[in-house]
Structure formats: structure tokens, C-alpha cells
């Protein structure tokens, strides 16, 4: 397979636009532009690190304001994760009490649940029949329409206030590129590609990181001995007088190993995105003809019995050598693989480390129920693998 594009199921409403469902030349141009623009606005640099640190503090404050009552952190984690991508795409963050923002993040959460459930598989196979029946797929399309309306409003607002000499964010840069190429009849920088690219970024930047953090909190609450070791590493390397930084990760091998093992164990996107073969390929004696839609099964690597000592168990030692140093693994593919690997990988890695270490510097995660009763098997498994919902006490350290 080469850099071909993703296929799209019958339930797709994108029609091959945006960065996630496009292919060929369109995908190449949109991905190249997206990566360079996000890097220009700080992805992987100190400026975005500072945004992460500030947002992590907003998250800590929001939890402290709950006055030591038990809570499910899912909503607050979605807000914090979403605000990082919002700052890059929209040029600003939202307050956690902003009703419009809360509605948007809840719609994304609902869509993730629907896309990961069995109903969407039925719809993908029998779309004509299910179009006439009620079901969760109707909610999916309503939410998508509402999200599109919001994104269109943001685009229009940016158009009205655009200053080409001082672009503020991703939308501004795309609008400027659209104007530069407005006379090219085959330009990929058109309104629909802008709409669906920011939809893709917003969905991915909100849903994946926040869901991984939900899993991490549950797993650490279930295994308090693992949590205690991270607390000890934070105390030794960071202390209590400053906040963790990305540079600390090199001196925190156990914490780094736990984060990687969380990602491996939860297998968040087991099938990745569909791909399309761009030329005839012979694979293990089989001919895969050009144009065939193929789905890479990341689970076969992340849970492979020949690659990991205990593939079905949570085990941070998978990423530690005999001396307790962090051990990289070429078969760690939590962000997919190849040329269509997640474009926001560096941003997601930064968020996971800074958010989780800042929370653990401030709190002990204690479940309301006995920690042994926490079930860390998937509640839903489809497009994404989603955890069960629990409440926790966030006890100040």
C-alpha cells in the first residue's frame, strides 16, 4: 500500500472532503497544509506546551471547585482536551460553563458512542432500510448538522474579521490560502474542505485524548500501587513548587511507560481508518487489487501474543527495560502507522503527559467503589473502545 486514501462507509456525510476521508492529491495537499499550519502555531513547540500547562491548571481548578465531592471526570476532560485544539483552530479557548461549548462537546461524545456501537454497523450494511427507521443514527446526523452549523458560523466570523497580514489561527490561514488560489479551477482549498478539516480536527482533538485520559484515571484508580509509583516519581523529579513540563518526561520513565501502556492496553481505535490500495499488491500469497478498501487492524499489533509478555493485561513493564529505563517499541502503533498516521500525534502525546502528570501532582484518584470492582474491560467497542463510567474522589495531595 502507498499513501492512498481512506475509503468511506455508507454512513459518511463528508463525501471525501476534509483530511480524514479524502484521498490522493486532495489528501496530500490538505495534510501538508494542516501539518505546516499547526506547527506554525506551535504544535510540538513551547508555545503549545504553555497552552497545555494553562489548560491543565483550569482543569485542576475546576475539579477543586467540586469541593471534594465525587464526580465523573469525563465532562471536564472533554472540555480541557477540546480547548487545546480550539486554541489552534479557532484562536481561543472556551470557558467550561459556556453553554454552546458544552453542547458541542456533548454532541461529539454522543457521536463517538453511536459510531462505536452496533447500530452503526447495521446502518452501514442496510442504509436504505434504516433511513426509514428511528434509531441512534438519526441523532448522529442531527449532531453532525449542528456541528457543521457551528463551524460555518466560526468560518463566517473569521471572514468578517480577517486580517491577511496577521493570521490568528488555522481558519485564518486556510481562508488566506483560499483567496490565493481562488482562480485555480482545481484548487483543493475550498470551503467544504475547510469545513470538514476543522470538523475532523475538532472531533479528533476532543474525543481521542479525553477518552484516553478517562481510561488512564480508571486504570490508575484500579491499581493504586501504580498510581503511588507515579506520585513518587513526580515528587522526586518535579516536586510541588512548579508544574510538570515536557522536559520532565525524559526523567520520568515509569510515568512514560504507564502512559504508553494505557494506550496499548485500551487499543482506542482498533481498526484505524479505512485505506484504499492504490496499486495491485501481493501480500502473503494473496493479490489485493488496486482500489480495494482495506482496514488495518491495529489490535493485531497492540494485543499480539508474540509481541508482548502479557498482551491482555495492563503491564507497564512492557515499556521498561531491566534497569527501569523507558524502552521504546517499534510495534507501538496507538496513533496508526504509515503516511496516514495521526497528524496530531505530537500534540496528543504532549497533552496526555502534561494533563495526567498535573492531575497526579495535585490529586489522588480514589474510586467511590472498591478499587478491585472497577471493570477496565470495554463498555463499547467499535470505531473506538470506550470505558465504563465511574465516579471518583479527587483527593488533594
Protein backbone atom coordinates (compact mmCIF):
# COMPACT_ATOMS: atom_id res chain seq x y z
CA UNK A 1 0.00 0.00 0.00
CA UNK A 2 1.15 3.52 -0.65
CA UNK A 3 -0.14 6.87 0.51
CA UNK A 4 -3.58 6.26 -0.97
CA UNK A 5 -6.65 7.49 0.81
CA UNK A 6 -9.25 6.24 3.14
CA UNK A 7 -12.39 4.60 1.96
CA UNK A 8 -15.74 5.76 3.29
CA UNK A 9 -18.70 3.83 4.53
CA UNK A 10 -22.31 4.40 3.54
CA UNK A 11 -22.84 6.37 6.72
CA UNK A 12 -20.28 9.01 5.70
CA UNK A 13 -21.62 12.53 5.20
CA UNK A 14 -18.26 14.03 4.22
CA UNK A 15 -18.26 12.91 0.58
CA UNK A 16 -14.47 12.62 0.51
CA UNK A 17 -13.75 16.11 1.80
CA UNK A 18 -11.57 17.14 4.74
CA UNK A 19 -8.38 15.46 5.89
CA UNK A 20 -9.78 12.22 7.34
CA UNK A 21 -11.87 10.87 4.45
CA UNK A 22 -10.10 12.35 1.42
CA UNK A 23 -7.53 10.58 -0.72
CA UNK A 24 -5.00 11.14 -3.48
CA UNK A 25 -3.88 14.67 -4.30
CA UNK A 26 -6.57 16.27 -2.13
CA UNK A 27 -5.38 14.37 0.92
CA UNK A 28 -1.72 15.17 0.23
CA UNK A 29 -2.36 18.90 -0.05
CA UNK A 30 -4.68 19.11 2.96
CA UNK A 31 -2.39 17.05 5.18
CA UNK A 32 0.71 19.02 4.18
CA UNK A 33 -1.08 22.32 4.79
CA UNK A 34 -2.57 21.15 8.10
CA UNK A 35 0.74 19.93 9.49
CA UNK A 36 2.69 23.03 8.48
CA UNK A 37 -0.01 25.40 9.77
CA UNK A 38 -0.39 23.66 13.13
CA UNK A 39 3.39 23.66 13.53
CA UNK A 40 3.48 27.38 12.73
CA UNK A 41 1.01 27.92 15.57
CA UNK A 42 3.18 25.97 17.95
CA UNK A 43 2.31 22.26 17.71
CA UNK A 44 5.26 20.48 19.27
CA UNK A 45 6.78 23.75 20.50
CA UNK A 46 6.98 25.72 23.74
CA UNK A 47 4.01 27.94 22.88
CA UNK A 48 1.60 25.00 22.74
CA UNK A 49 3.24 23.49 25.81
CA UNK A 50 2.35 26.68 27.66
CA UNK A 51 -1.26 26.41 26.46
CA UNK A 52 -1.37 22.84 27.74
CA UNK A 53 0.02 23.88 31.13
CA UNK A 54 -2.52 26.69 31.43
CA UNK A 55 -5.41 24.41 30.42
CA UNK A 56 -4.23 21.74 32.85
CA UNK A 57 -4.49 24.36 35.61
CA UNK A 58 -8.01 25.28 34.52
CA UNK A 59 -8.83 21.57 34.78
CA UNK A 60 -7.32 21.26 38.27
CA UNK A 61 -9.21 24.37 39.42
CA UNK A 62 -12.49 23.05 38.01
CA UNK A 63 -12.03 19.78 39.92
CA UNK A 64 -11.10 21.61 43.14
CA UNK A 65 -14.27 23.69 42.81
CA UNK A 66 -16.27 20.48 43.21
CA UNK A 67 -15.36 20.68 46.93
CA UNK A 68 -14.08 17.11 47.33
CA UNK A 69 -17.37 15.57 46.21
CA UNK A 70 -17.24 12.52 44.00
CA UNK A 71 -17.55 13.10 40.29
CA UNK A 72 -17.20 11.53 36.89
CA UNK A 73 -14.36 13.50 35.26
CA UNK A 74 -15.41 12.76 31.68
CA UNK A 75 -17.10 16.09 31.00
CA UNK A 76 -14.21 18.18 32.37
CA UNK A 77 -11.66 16.09 30.47
CA UNK A 78 -13.56 16.70 27.23
CA UNK A 79 -13.59 20.45 27.88
CA UNK A 80 -9.86 20.59 28.61
CA UNK A 81 -8.85 18.46 25.62
CA UNK A 82 -11.17 20.34 23.29
CA UNK A 83 -9.78 23.70 24.34
CA UNK A 84 -6.29 22.80 23.14
CA UNK A 85 -7.43 22.16 19.58
CA UNK A 86 -9.82 25.12 19.81
CA UNK A 87 -6.91 27.44 20.58
CA UNK A 88 -5.14 26.28 17.41
CA UNK A 89 -8.13 26.12 15.06
CA UNK A 90 -10.33 28.94 16.40
CA UNK A 91 -7.68 31.08 18.10
CA UNK A 92 -9.32 30.95 21.52
CA UNK A 93 -10.46 28.68 24.34
CA UNK A 94 -13.92 28.38 25.87
CA UNK A 95 -14.99 28.63 29.48
CA UNK A 96 -16.18 25.34 30.98
CA UNK A 97 -19.53 26.98 31.72
CA UNK A 98 -20.09 28.19 28.13
CA UNK A 99 -23.38 26.54 27.17
CA UNK A 100 -22.65 26.46 23.45
CA UNK A 101 -19.26 24.85 24.09
CA UNK A 102 -20.79 22.28 26.44
CA UNK A 103 -23.37 21.37 23.82
CA UNK A 104 -20.67 20.89 21.19
CA UNK A 105 -18.51 18.64 23.35
CA UNK A 106 -21.55 16.57 24.37
CA UNK A 107 -22.53 16.11 20.70
CA UNK A 108 -19.03 14.87 19.93
CA UNK A 109 -19.25 12.43 22.83
CA UNK A 110 -22.64 11.19 21.62
CA UNK A 111 -21.37 10.74 18.08
CA UNK A 112 -18.40 8.77 19.35
CA UNK A 113 -20.72 6.43 21.27
CA UNK A 114 -23.02 5.95 18.28
CA UNK A 115 -20.15 5.36 15.84
CA UNK A 116 -18.70 2.79 18.22
CA UNK A 117 -21.94 0.91 18.82
CA UNK A 118 -23.61 -1.95 16.91
CA UNK A 119 -26.34 0.21 15.38
CA UNK A 120 -23.96 1.99 13.02
CA UNK A 121 -22.76 -1.37 11.69
CA UNK A 122 -26.35 -2.22 10.84
CA UNK A 123 -26.77 1.14 9.14
CA UNK A 124 -23.60 0.67 7.12
CA UNK A 125 -24.97 -2.60 5.75
CA UNK A 126 -28.64 -1.62 5.36
CA UNK A 127 -28.71 2.18 4.91
CA UNK A 128 -31.79 2.29 2.67
CA UNK A 129 -33.91 0.34 5.16
CA UNK A 130 -32.68 2.13 8.28
CA UNK A 131 -33.20 5.57 6.73
CA UNK A 132 -36.90 4.94 7.35
CA UNK A 133 -36.47 3.69 10.92
CA UNK A 134 -35.78 5.57 14.15
CA UNK A 135 -32.52 4.91 15.96
CA UNK A 136 -29.24 6.39 17.18
CA UNK A 137 -28.12 7.06 13.59
CA UNK A 138 -30.72 9.84 13.40
CA UNK A 139 -29.07 11.52 16.39
CA UNK A 140 -25.69 11.12 14.72
CA UNK A 141 -26.82 13.02 11.63
CA UNK A 142 -28.59 15.73 13.66
CA UNK A 143 -25.47 16.27 15.74
CA UNK A 144 -23.30 16.41 12.63
CA UNK A 145 -25.60 19.03 11.11
CA UNK A 146 -25.47 21.13 14.31
CA UNK A 147 -21.68 20.85 14.43
CA UNK A 148 -21.47 21.93 10.79
CA UNK A 149 -23.64 24.96 11.56
CA UNK A 150 -21.34 25.95 14.40
CA UNK A 151 -18.22 25.54 12.25
CA UNK A 152 -19.81 27.57 9.45
CA UNK A 153 -20.56 30.35 11.94
CA UNK A 154 -16.94 30.32 13.08
CA UNK A 155 -15.75 30.47 9.46
CA UNK A 156 -18.07 33.38 8.69
CA UNK A 157 -16.93 35.24 11.79
CA UNK A 158 -13.31 34.76 10.74
CA UNK A 159 -14.08 36.01 7.23
CA UNK A 160 -15.55 39.21 8.62
CA UNK A 161 -12.57 39.95 10.87
CA UNK A 162 -9.75 38.52 8.75
CA UNK A 163 -6.50 40.46 8.53
CA UNK A 164 -4.29 38.74 6.00
CA UNK A 165 -1.06 40.12 7.47
CA UNK A 166 -1.73 38.71 10.95
CA UNK A 167 -3.45 35.30 10.75
CA UNK A 168 -4.71 34.28 14.17
CA UNK A 169 -5.32 30.56 13.72
CA UNK A 170 -5.87 27.65 11.35
CA UNK A 171 -9.11 29.05 9.90
CA UNK A 172 -7.46 32.37 9.04
CA UNK A 173 -4.59 30.60 7.28
CA UNK A 174 -6.97 28.43 5.26
CA UNK A 175 -9.06 31.45 4.24
CA UNK A 176 -5.91 33.24 3.08
CA UNK A 177 -4.90 30.16 1.08
CA UNK A 178 -8.39 30.03 -0.45
CA UNK A 179 -8.03 33.61 -1.63
CA UNK A 180 -4.59 32.95 -3.06
CA UNK A 181 -5.92 30.02 -5.10
CA UNK A 182 -9.37 31.34 -5.97
CA UNK A 183 -8.54 31.44 -9.71
CA UNK A 184 -7.27 27.83 -9.79
CA UNK A 185 -10.08 25.68 -11.11
CA UNK A 186 -8.68 22.55 -9.43
CA UNK A 187 -7.74 24.09 -6.07
CA UNK A 188 -8.35 21.91 -3.02
CA UNK A 189 -8.59 24.99 -0.82
CA UNK A 190 -12.33 25.39 -0.95
CA UNK A 191 -14.98 25.97 1.67
CA UNK A 192 -16.08 22.33 2.02
CA UNK A 193 -12.52 21.16 2.62
CA UNK A 194 -12.09 23.87 5.25
CA UNK A 195 -15.35 22.91 6.96
CA UNK A 196 -14.58 19.21 7.13
CA UNK A 197 -10.92 19.62 8.00
CA UNK A 198 -11.78 21.67 11.09
CA UNK A 199 -14.59 19.20 11.87
CA UNK A 200 -12.04 16.37 11.70
CA UNK A 201 -9.54 18.26 13.87
CA UNK A 202 -12.19 19.24 16.41
CA UNK A 203 -13.59 15.71 16.67
CA UNK A 204 -10.18 14.02 16.92
CA UNK A 205 -8.72 16.65 19.24
CA UNK A 206 -11.65 16.36 21.63
CA UNK A 207 -12.66 12.70 21.62
CA UNK A 208 -9.44 10.71 21.47
CA UNK A 209 -7.34 12.47 24.10
CA UNK A 210 -10.17 12.88 26.60
CA UNK A 211 -11.19 9.22 26.23
CA UNK A 212 -7.59 8.08 26.77
CA UNK A 213 -7.45 10.21 29.93
CA UNK A 214 -10.73 8.68 31.14
CA UNK A 215 -9.20 5.24 30.72
CA UNK A 216 -5.98 6.32 32.47
CA UNK A 217 -7.81 7.60 35.55
CA UNK A 218 -9.84 4.38 35.82
CA UNK A 219 -6.79 2.16 35.43
CA UNK A 220 -4.76 4.13 37.98
CA UNK A 221 -7.66 4.04 40.41
CA UNK A 222 -7.94 0.27 39.95
CA UNK A 223 -4.20 -0.21 40.52
CA UNK A 224 -3.30 2.15 43.39
CA UNK A 225 0.23 0.72 43.57
CA UNK A 226 0.86 2.00 40.02
CA UNK A 227 -0.58 5.39 40.97
CA UNK A 228 1.66 5.54 44.04
CA UNK A 229 4.77 4.90 41.95
CA UNK A 230 3.86 7.76 39.63
CA UNK A 231 3.25 10.02 42.64
CA UNK A 232 6.70 9.14 43.93
CA UNK A 233 8.30 9.86 40.54
CA UNK A 234 6.52 13.22 40.31
CA UNK A 235 7.62 14.14 43.84
CA UNK A 236 11.22 13.23 43.06
CA UNK A 237 11.53 14.87 39.63
CA UNK A 238 9.06 17.76 39.74
CA UNK A 239 8.24 18.40 43.37
CA UNK A 240 5.34 20.59 44.44
CA UNK A 241 6.67 24.09 43.73
CA UNK A 242 6.31 24.01 39.95
CA UNK A 243 4.23 22.25 37.31
CA UNK A 244 5.46 19.34 35.15
CA UNK A 245 6.95 20.20 31.76
CA UNK A 246 7.63 18.15 28.63
CA UNK A 247 11.33 18.11 29.52
CA UNK A 248 10.50 16.17 32.70
CA UNK A 249 9.31 13.19 30.67
CA UNK A 250 12.91 12.08 29.98
CA UNK A 251 13.47 11.79 33.73
CA UNK A 252 10.16 10.03 34.44
CA UNK A 253 10.48 6.62 32.74
CA UNK A 254 7.82 4.90 34.84
CA UNK A 255 5.21 7.58 34.14
CA UNK A 256 6.07 7.49 30.45
CA UNK A 257 5.78 3.70 30.45
CA UNK A 258 2.38 3.82 32.15
CA UNK A 259 1.01 6.31 29.58
CA UNK A 260 2.24 4.14 26.71
CA UNK A 261 0.82 1.02 28.33
CA UNK A 262 -2.56 2.71 28.83
CA UNK A 263 -2.64 3.47 25.11
CA UNK A 264 -1.56 -0.05 24.19
CA UNK A 265 -3.95 -1.76 26.60
CA UNK A 266 -7.09 0.24 25.72
CA UNK A 267 -6.49 -0.10 21.96
CA UNK A 268 -8.58 3.04 21.45
CA UNK A 269 -9.06 2.83 17.68
CA UNK A 270 -8.65 -0.88 16.93
CA UNK A 271 -9.33 -0.63 13.20
CA UNK A 272 -7.84 2.79 12.46
CA UNK A 273 -9.33 4.46 9.36
CA UNK A 274 -10.18 2.53 6.18
CA UNK A 275 -7.49 2.76 3.50
CA UNK A 276 -7.57 2.11 -0.23
CA UNK A 277 -4.95 0.21 -2.20
CA UNK A 278 -3.54 2.48 -4.93
CA UNK A 279 -1.93 -0.33 -6.92
CA UNK A 280 -2.08 -4.13 -7.11
CA UNK A 281 -0.34 -5.59 -4.06
CA UNK A 282 0.67 -9.17 -3.31
CA UNK A 283 0.51 -9.89 0.40
CA UNK A 284 1.23 -13.29 1.92
CA UNK A 285 0.31 -15.06 -1.28
CA UNK A 286 -2.90 -13.08 -1.86
CA UNK A 287 -3.46 -10.48 -4.56
CA UNK A 288 -5.10 -7.28 -3.33
CA UNK A 289 -6.32 -5.45 -6.47
CA UNK A 290 -5.98 -1.70 -6.90
CA UNK A 291 -8.98 0.15 -5.45
CA UNK A 292 -9.69 -2.41 -2.70
CA UNK A 293 -10.73 -0.94 0.64
CA UNK A 294 -8.61 -2.35 3.44
CA UNK A 295 -8.87 -1.81 7.19
CA UNK A 296 -5.63 -2.00 9.20
CA UNK A 297 -6.26 -3.94 12.42
CA UNK A 298 -4.10 -2.17 14.99
CA UNK A 299 -5.27 -4.68 17.61
CA UNK A 300 -3.24 -7.40 15.90
CA UNK A 301 -0.13 -5.42 16.84
CA UNK A 302 -1.13 -3.78 20.12
CA UNK A 303 -2.50 -7.06 21.50
CA UNK A 304 -0.31 -9.51 19.59
CA UNK A 305 0.72 -12.54 21.65
CA UNK A 306 4.14 -12.73 20.01
CA UNK A 307 4.98 -9.07 20.71
CA UNK A 308 4.02 -8.59 24.35
CA UNK A 309 4.65 -10.58 27.52
CA UNK A 310 1.08 -10.22 28.82
CA UNK A 311 -0.91 -8.71 25.92
CA UNK A 312 -4.33 -8.91 27.59
CA UNK A 313 -3.18 -7.43 30.91
CA UNK A 314 -2.21 -3.92 31.93
CA UNK A 315 1.54 -4.13 32.47
CA UNK A 316 3.80 -1.01 32.42
CA UNK A 317 6.84 -3.32 32.30
CA UNK A 318 6.11 -3.73 28.59
CA UNK A 319 7.83 -0.35 28.18
CA UNK A 320 10.60 -0.70 30.78
CA UNK A 321 13.95 -2.46 30.46
CA UNK A 322 15.65 -4.48 33.21
CA UNK A 323 17.13 -1.26 34.67
CA UNK A 324 13.80 0.56 34.86
CA UNK A 325 14.59 2.80 31.88
CA UNK A 326 11.89 3.61 29.34
CA UNK A 327 12.00 1.19 26.41
CA UNK A 328 10.67 2.27 23.02
CA UNK A 329 8.84 -0.27 20.90
CA UNK A 330 8.50 -0.25 17.11
CA UNK A 331 5.24 -2.17 17.43
CA UNK A 332 3.57 0.58 19.49
CA UNK A 333 1.03 1.87 16.94
CA UNK A 334 -1.55 3.69 19.03
CA UNK A 335 -1.56 6.56 16.50
CA UNK A 336 -1.82 4.23 13.49
CA UNK A 337 1.07 3.75 11.07
CA UNK A 338 2.35 4.76 7.67
CA UNK A 339 1.77 8.03 5.88
CA UNK A 340 -1.75 8.40 7.28
CA UNK A 341 -0.56 8.31 10.88
CA UNK A 342 -2.43 10.78 13.11
CA UNK A 343 -1.22 14.31 12.18
CA UNK A 344 -1.76 15.44 15.77
CA UNK A 345 0.39 12.73 17.35
CA UNK A 346 2.96 15.12 18.88
CA UNK A 347 0.17 17.30 20.28
CA UNK A 348 -1.68 14.30 21.74
CA UNK A 349 1.49 12.96 23.38
CA UNK A 350 2.12 16.32 24.97
CA UNK A 351 -1.46 16.64 26.22
CA UNK A 352 -1.53 13.16 27.73
CA UNK A 353 1.72 13.67 29.62
CA UNK A 354 1.06 17.20 30.88
CA UNK A 355 -2.60 16.69 31.78
CA UNK A 356 -2.07 13.40 33.57
CA UNK A 357 1.05 14.45 35.49
CA UNK A 358 -0.53 17.76 36.51
CA UNK A 359 -3.61 15.93 37.79
CA UNK A 360 -1.49 13.39 39.67
CA UNK A 361 0.68 16.12 41.14
CA UNK A 362 -2.49 17.64 42.59
CA UNK A 363 -4.71 14.66 43.39
CA UNK A 364 -5.04 11.03 44.38
CA UNK A 365 -7.66 9.24 42.28
CA UNK A 366 -9.85 7.22 44.63
CA UNK A 367 -12.91 5.38 43.30
CA UNK A 368 -16.25 5.55 45.09
CA UNK A 369 -16.50 1.75 44.88
CA UNK A 370 -13.82 -0.70 45.95
CA UNK A 371 -10.92 -0.38 43.51
CA UNK A 372 -10.99 -4.13 42.86
CA UNK A 373 -14.52 -3.82 41.48
CA UNK A 374 -13.56 -1.39 38.71
CA UNK A 375 -14.10 -3.11 35.37
CA UNK A 376 -11.48 -1.99 32.84
CA UNK A 377 -12.88 -4.09 30.02
CA UNK A 378 -14.56 -2.04 27.25
CA UNK A 379 -18.10 -0.80 27.73
CA UNK A 380 -18.41 -0.23 23.97
CA UNK A 381 -16.08 -1.41 21.23
CA UNK A 382 -16.39 -0.36 17.60
CA UNK A 383 -14.85 2.63 15.85
CA UNK A 384 -13.45 3.42 19.31
CA UNK A 385 -13.09 1.45 22.53
CA UNK A 386 -14.93 3.30 25.30
CA UNK A 387 -14.66 2.71 29.06
CA UNK A 388 -17.30 2.17 31.69
CA UNK A 389 -18.37 5.26 33.60
CA UNK A 390 -17.33 5.61 37.27
CA UNK A 391 -17.20 8.36 39.86
CA UNK A 392 -14.06 9.19 41.78
CA UNK A 393 -12.88 11.28 44.69
CA UNK A 394 -10.06 13.61 43.67
CA UNK A 395 -8.24 13.92 46.99
CA UNK A 396 -5.84 16.85 47.22
CA UNK A 397 -2.24 15.89 47.91
